[in-house]
Amino acid sequence: MRCPFCGRDDTQVKDSRPAEEGAAIRRRRSCPGCGARFTTFERVQLREITVVKTDGRRVPFDREKLARSIRVALRKRPVEEDRIERIVNGIQRKLETEAESEVTSRQIGEIVMDTLKGVDEVAYVRFASVYRNFAEARDFREFLGALKSE
């Protein structure tokens, strides 16, 4: 593993332990070159997923981008970090097992919205406002009206 601080290739593993309920391995590493310490995670990847963007571009699935967007939606909400990790793991696993090797960004957005709806309604509305590109207050009112009628 390359050191993220100095770029040296031969970092040393100081400690390994299971993480995320056994779904990953957490490794504490140190760099003999600069002395920096950092953590890496190893996770099982069942298959490569390609995301087809709305403009037609194809990009590799980025787990961290998914996690960031969910964290933004859940910011300052009473949801613990380990629950967020379980949500991200669940969505990634669903994509790897149920979807084709190519999945649209729209499909991912819908899965995230369905998941957040069951976790926290405020986060659900926050995510929807960005995902569905709300432009004005009327968009919020319509969305909330539809949510209320469900």
C-alpha atoms as a PDB file:
ATOM      1  CA  MET A   1       0.000   0.000   0.000  1.00  0.00           C
ATOM      2  CA  ARG A   2       1.381   3.387  -0.999  1.00  0.00           C
ATOM      3  CA  CYS A   3       1.781   6.028   1.728  1.00  0.00           C
ATOM      4  CA  PRO A   4      -0.729   8.848   1.089  1.00  0.00           C
ATOM      5  CA  PHE A   5       1.718  11.369   2.574  1.00  0.00           C
ATOM      6  CA  CYS A   6       5.066  10.671   0.910  1.00  0.00           C
ATOM      7  CA  GLY A   7       4.175   8.113  -1.790  1.00  0.00           C
ATOM      8  CA  ARG A   8       6.504   5.376  -0.561  1.00  0.00           C
ATOM      9  CA  ASP A   9       5.378   1.893  -1.676  1.00  0.00           C
ATOM     10  CA  ASP A  10       6.430  -0.284   1.244  1.00  0.00           C
ATOM     11  CA  THR A  11       4.236   0.679   4.206  1.00  0.00           C
ATOM     12  CA  GLN A  12       3.963  -1.694   7.140  1.00  0.00           C
ATOM     13  CA  VAL A  13       0.810  -3.155   8.689  1.00  0.00           C
ATOM     14  CA  LYS A  14       0.843  -2.558  12.442  1.00  0.00           C
ATOM     15  CA  ASP A  15      -2.609  -3.912  13.313  1.00  0.00           C
ATOM     16  CA  SER A  16      -5.444  -5.741  11.512  1.00  0.00           C
ATOM     17  CA  ARG A  17      -8.936  -6.403  12.772  1.00  0.00           C
ATOM     18  CA  PRO A  18     -12.399  -7.104  11.409  1.00  0.00           C
ATOM     19  CA  ALA A  19     -14.630  -4.098  10.771  1.00  0.00           C
ATOM     20  CA  GLU A  20     -18.190  -3.463   9.659  1.00  0.00           C
ATOM     21  CA  GLU A  21     -19.474  -6.647  11.303  1.00  0.00           C
ATOM     22  CA  GLY A  22     -16.889  -8.788   9.518  1.00  0.00           C
ATOM     23  CA  ALA A  23     -17.618  -7.333   6.057  1.00  0.00           C
ATOM     24  CA  ALA A  24     -14.248  -5.551   5.941  1.00  0.00           C
ATOM     25  CA  ILE A  25     -10.768  -5.630   7.427  1.00  0.00           C
ATOM     26  CA  ARG A  26      -9.366  -2.497   9.053  1.00  0.00           C
ATOM     27  CA  ARG A  27      -5.581  -2.166   8.876  1.00  0.00           C
ATOM     28  CA  ARG A  28      -3.480   0.404  10.742  1.00  0.00           C
ATOM     29  CA  ARG A  29      -0.373   1.126   8.724  1.00  0.00           C
ATOM     30  CA  SER A  30       2.790   3.130   9.168  1.00  0.00           C
ATOM     31  CA  CYS A  31       5.311   4.432   6.689  1.00  0.00           C
ATOM     32  CA  PRO A  32       8.965   3.790   7.482  1.00  0.00           C
ATOM     33  CA  GLY A  33       9.910   6.685   5.174  1.00  0.00           C
ATOM     34  CA  CYS A  34       8.028   9.597   6.740  1.00  0.00           C
ATOM     35  CA  GLY A  35       6.697   7.978   9.915  1.00  0.00           C
ATOM     36  CA  ALA A  36       3.052   8.755   9.083  1.00  0.00           C
ATOM     37  CA  ARG A  37       0.261   6.483  10.283  1.00  0.00           C
ATOM     38  CA  PHE A  38      -2.953   5.838   8.398  1.00  0.00           C
ATOM     39  CA  THR A  39      -5.832   3.371   8.170  1.00  0.00           C
ATOM     40  CA  THR A  40      -6.965   1.287   5.198  1.00  0.00           C
ATOM     41  CA  PHE A  41     -10.010  -0.916   4.732  1.00  0.00           C
ATOM     42  CA  GLU A  42     -10.363  -4.047   2.617  1.00  0.00           C
ATOM     43  CA  ARG A  43     -13.840  -5.008   1.422  1.00  0.00           C
ATOM     44  CA  VAL A  44     -15.165  -7.785  -0.763  1.00  0.00           C
ATOM     45  CA  GLN A  45     -16.093  -6.613  -4.228  1.00  0.00           C
ATOM     46  CA  LEU A  46     -18.366  -9.046  -6.036  1.00  0.00           C
ATOM     47  CA  ARG A  47     -18.134  -7.369  -9.427  1.00  0.00           C
ATOM     48  CA  GLU A  48     -17.100  -4.180 -11.145  1.00  0.00           C
ATOM     49  CA  ILE A  49     -20.002  -1.769 -11.465  1.00  0.00           C
ATOM     50  CA  THR A  50     -20.079   0.954 -14.085  1.00  0.00           C
ATOM     51  CA  VAL A  51     -22.349   3.946 -13.518  1.00  0.00           C
ATOM     52  CA  VAL A  52     -24.002   5.418 -16.593  1.00  0.00           C
ATOM     53  CA  LYS A  53     -24.465   9.146 -15.991  1.00  0.00           C
ATOM     54  CA  THR A  54     -27.402  11.146 -17.360  1.00  0.00           C
ATOM     55  CA  ASP A  55     -25.140  12.640 -20.035  1.00  0.00           C
ATOM     56  CA  GLY A  56     -24.124   9.151 -21.197  1.00  0.00           C
ATOM     57  CA  ARG A  57     -20.649   9.066 -19.628  1.00  0.00           C
ATOM     58  CA  ARG A  58     -19.614   5.802 -18.006  1.00  0.00           C
ATOM     59  CA  VAL A  59     -17.615   5.957 -14.778  1.00  0.00           C
ATOM     60  CA  PRO A  60     -16.606   3.314 -12.244  1.00  0.00           C
ATOM     61  CA  PHE A  61     -18.845   3.033  -9.186  1.00  0.00           C
ATOM     62  CA  ASP A  62     -17.388   5.137  -6.357  1.00  0.00           C
ATOM     63  CA  ARG A  63     -18.366   3.855  -2.923  1.00  0.00           C
ATOM     64  CA  GLU A  64     -16.948   6.939  -1.223  1.00  0.00           C
ATOM     65  CA  LYS A  65     -19.033   9.278  -3.370  1.00  0.00           C
ATOM     66  CA  LEU A  66     -22.139   7.338  -2.365  1.00  0.00           C
ATOM     67  CA  ALA A  67     -21.113   7.508   1.305  1.00  0.00           C
ATOM     68  CA  ARG A  68     -20.451  11.268   1.073  1.00  0.00           C
ATOM     69  CA  SER A  69     -23.856  12.009  -0.414  1.00  0.00           C
ATOM     70  CA  ILE A  70     -25.594   9.962   2.266  1.00  0.00           C
ATOM     71  CA  ARG A  71     -23.561  11.656   5.012  1.00  0.00           C
ATOM     72  CA  VAL A  72     -24.510  15.081   3.636  1.00  0.00           C
ATOM     73  CA  ALA A  73     -28.192  14.149   3.675  1.00  0.00           C
ATOM     74  CA  LEU A  74     -27.878  12.815   7.237  1.00  0.00           C
ATOM     75  CA  ARG A  75     -25.754  15.707   8.561  1.00  0.00           C
ATOM     76  CA  LYS A  76     -26.910  16.818  12.027  1.00  0.00           C
ATOM     77  CA  ARG A  77     -29.508  14.043  12.133  1.00  0.00           C
ATOM     78  CA  PRO A  78     -29.629  11.440  14.932  1.00  0.00           C
ATOM     79  CA  VAL A  79     -28.066   8.660  12.848  1.00  0.00           C
ATOM     80  CA  GLU A  80     -24.815   7.075  13.994  1.00  0.00           C
ATOM     81  CA  GLU A  81     -21.801   6.593  11.734  1.00  0.00           C
ATOM     82  CA  ASP A  82     -21.964   2.788  11.940  1.00  0.00           C
ATOM     83  CA  ARG A  83     -25.567   2.923  10.681  1.00  0.00           C
ATOM     84  CA  ILE A  84     -24.424   5.053   7.747  1.00  0.00           C
ATOM     85  CA  GLU A  85     -21.744   2.459   6.947  1.00  0.00           C
ATOM     86  CA  ARG A  86     -24.367  -0.311   7.061  1.00  0.00           C
ATOM     87  CA  ILE A  87     -26.586   1.712   4.706  1.00  0.00           C
ATOM     88  CA  VAL A  88     -23.732   2.217   2.236  1.00  0.00           C
ATOM     89  CA  ASN A  89     -22.719  -1.449   2.483  1.00  0.00           C
ATOM     90  CA  GLY A  90     -26.302  -2.536   1.880  1.00  0.00           C
ATOM     91  CA  ILE A  91     -26.712  -0.336  -1.180  1.00  0.00           C
ATOM     92  CA  GLN A  92     -23.372  -1.467  -2.609  1.00  0.00           C
ATOM     93  CA  ARG A  93     -24.201  -5.133  -1.988  1.00  0.00           C
ATOM     94  CA  LYS A  94     -27.614  -4.658  -3.624  1.00  0.00           C
ATOM     95  CA  LEU A  95     -25.976  -3.151  -6.699  1.00  0.00           C
ATOM     96  CA  GLU A  96     -23.394  -5.940  -6.882  1.00  0.00           C
ATOM     97  CA  THR A  97     -25.877  -8.782  -6.503  1.00  0.00           C
ATOM     98  CA  GLU A  98     -29.085  -7.545  -8.131  1.00  0.00           C
ATOM     99  CA  ALA A  99     -28.037  -5.095 -10.822  1.00  0.00           C
ATOM    100  CA  GLU A 100     -26.292  -5.596 -14.123  1.00  0.00           C
ATOM    101  CA  SER A 101     -22.645  -4.614 -14.485  1.00  0.00           C
ATOM    102  CA  GLU A 102     -23.890  -1.223 -15.708  1.00  0.00           C
ATOM    103  CA  VAL A 103     -26.324   0.770 -13.594  1.00  0.00           C
ATOM    104  CA  THR A 104     -27.693   4.247 -14.208  1.00  0.00           C
ATOM    105  CA  SER A 105     -27.137   7.076 -11.772  1.00  0.00           C
ATOM    106  CA  ARG A 106     -30.942   7.371 -11.677  1.00  0.00           C
ATOM    107  CA  GLN A 107     -31.255   3.784 -10.392  1.00  0.00           C
ATOM    108  CA  ILE A 108     -28.702   4.466  -7.669  1.00  0.00           C
ATOM    109  CA  GLY A 109     -30.513   7.668  -6.692  1.00  0.00           C
ATOM    110  CA  GLU A 110     -33.823   5.832  -6.393  1.00  0.00           C
ATOM    111  CA  ILE A 111     -32.253   3.121  -4.216  1.00  0.00           C
ATOM    112  CA  VAL A 112     -30.729   5.783  -1.955  1.00  0.00           C
ATOM    113  CA  MET A 113     -34.054   7.619  -1.708  1.00  0.00           C
ATOM    114  CA  ASP A 114     -35.931   4.405  -0.845  1.00  0.00           C
ATOM    115  CA  THR A 115     -33.352   3.618   1.824  1.00  0.00           C
ATOM    116  CA  LEU A 116     -33.304   7.115   3.349  1.00  0.00           C
ATOM    117  CA  LYS A 117     -37.092   7.222   3.438  1.00  0.00           C
ATOM    118  CA  GLY A 118     -37.020   4.382   5.951  1.00  0.00           C
ATOM    119  CA  VAL A 119     -34.157   5.873   7.968  1.00  0.00           C
ATOM    120  CA  ASP A 120     -34.898   9.591   8.337  1.00  0.00           C
ATOM    121  CA  GLU A 121     -37.535  11.652   6.524  1.00  0.00           C
ATOM    122  CA  VAL A 122     -35.534  14.884   6.765  1.00  0.00           C
ATOM    123  CA  ALA A 123     -32.533  13.208   5.116  1.00  0.00           C
ATOM    124  CA  TYR A 124     -34.913  11.763   2.518  1.00  0.00           C
ATOM    125  CA  VAL A 125     -36.185  15.250   1.625  1.00  0.00           C
ATOM    126  CA  ARG A 126     -32.651  16.703   1.629  1.00  0.00           C
ATOM    127  CA  PHE A 127     -31.384  14.021  -0.726  1.00  0.00           C
ATOM    128  CA  ALA A 128     -34.450  14.329  -2.963  1.00  0.00           C
ATOM    129  CA  SER A 129     -34.009  18.093  -3.234  1.00  0.00           C
ATOM    130  CA  VAL A 130     -30.537  17.633  -4.714  1.00  0.00           C
ATOM    131  CA  TYR A 131     -31.244  14.429  -6.646  1.00  0.00           C
ATOM    132  CA  ARG A 132     -34.416  15.775  -8.239  1.00  0.00           C
ATOM    133  CA  ASN A 133     -32.904  19.242  -8.620  1.00  0.00           C
ATOM    134  CA  PHE A 134     -35.538  21.284  -6.800  1.00  0.00           C
ATOM    135  CA  ALA A 135     -35.403  24.827  -8.158  1.00  0.00           C
ATOM    136  CA  GLU A 136     -37.932  26.653  -5.979  1.00  0.00           C
ATOM    137  CA  ALA A 137     -40.088  26.336  -2.880  1.00  0.00           C
ATOM    138  CA  ARG A 138     -43.001  25.035  -4.943  1.00  0.00           C
ATOM    139  CA  ASP A 139     -40.954  21.906  -5.751  1.00  0.00           C
ATOM    140  CA  PHE A 140     -40.539  21.245  -2.020  1.00  0.00           C
ATOM    141  CA  ARG A 141     -44.262  21.763  -1.376  1.00  0.00           C
ATOM    142  CA  GLU A 142     -45.236  19.330  -4.134  1.00  0.00           C
ATOM    143  CA  PHE A 143     -42.746  16.727  -2.930  1.00  0.00           C
ATOM    144  CA  LEU A 144     -43.830  17.069   0.693  1.00  0.00           C
ATOM    145  CA  GLY A 145     -47.490  16.926  -0.349  1.00  0.00           C
ATOM    146  CA  ALA A 146     -46.855  13.641  -2.149  1.00  0.00           C
ATOM    147  CA  LEU A 147     -44.925  12.349   0.884  1.00  0.00           C
ATOM    148  CA  LYS A 148     -47.760  13.319   3.217  1.00  0.00           C
ATOM    149  CA  SER A 149     -50.380  11.540   1.081  1.00  0.00           C
ATOM    150  CA  GLU A 150     -48.411   8.265   1.163  1.00  0.00           C
END
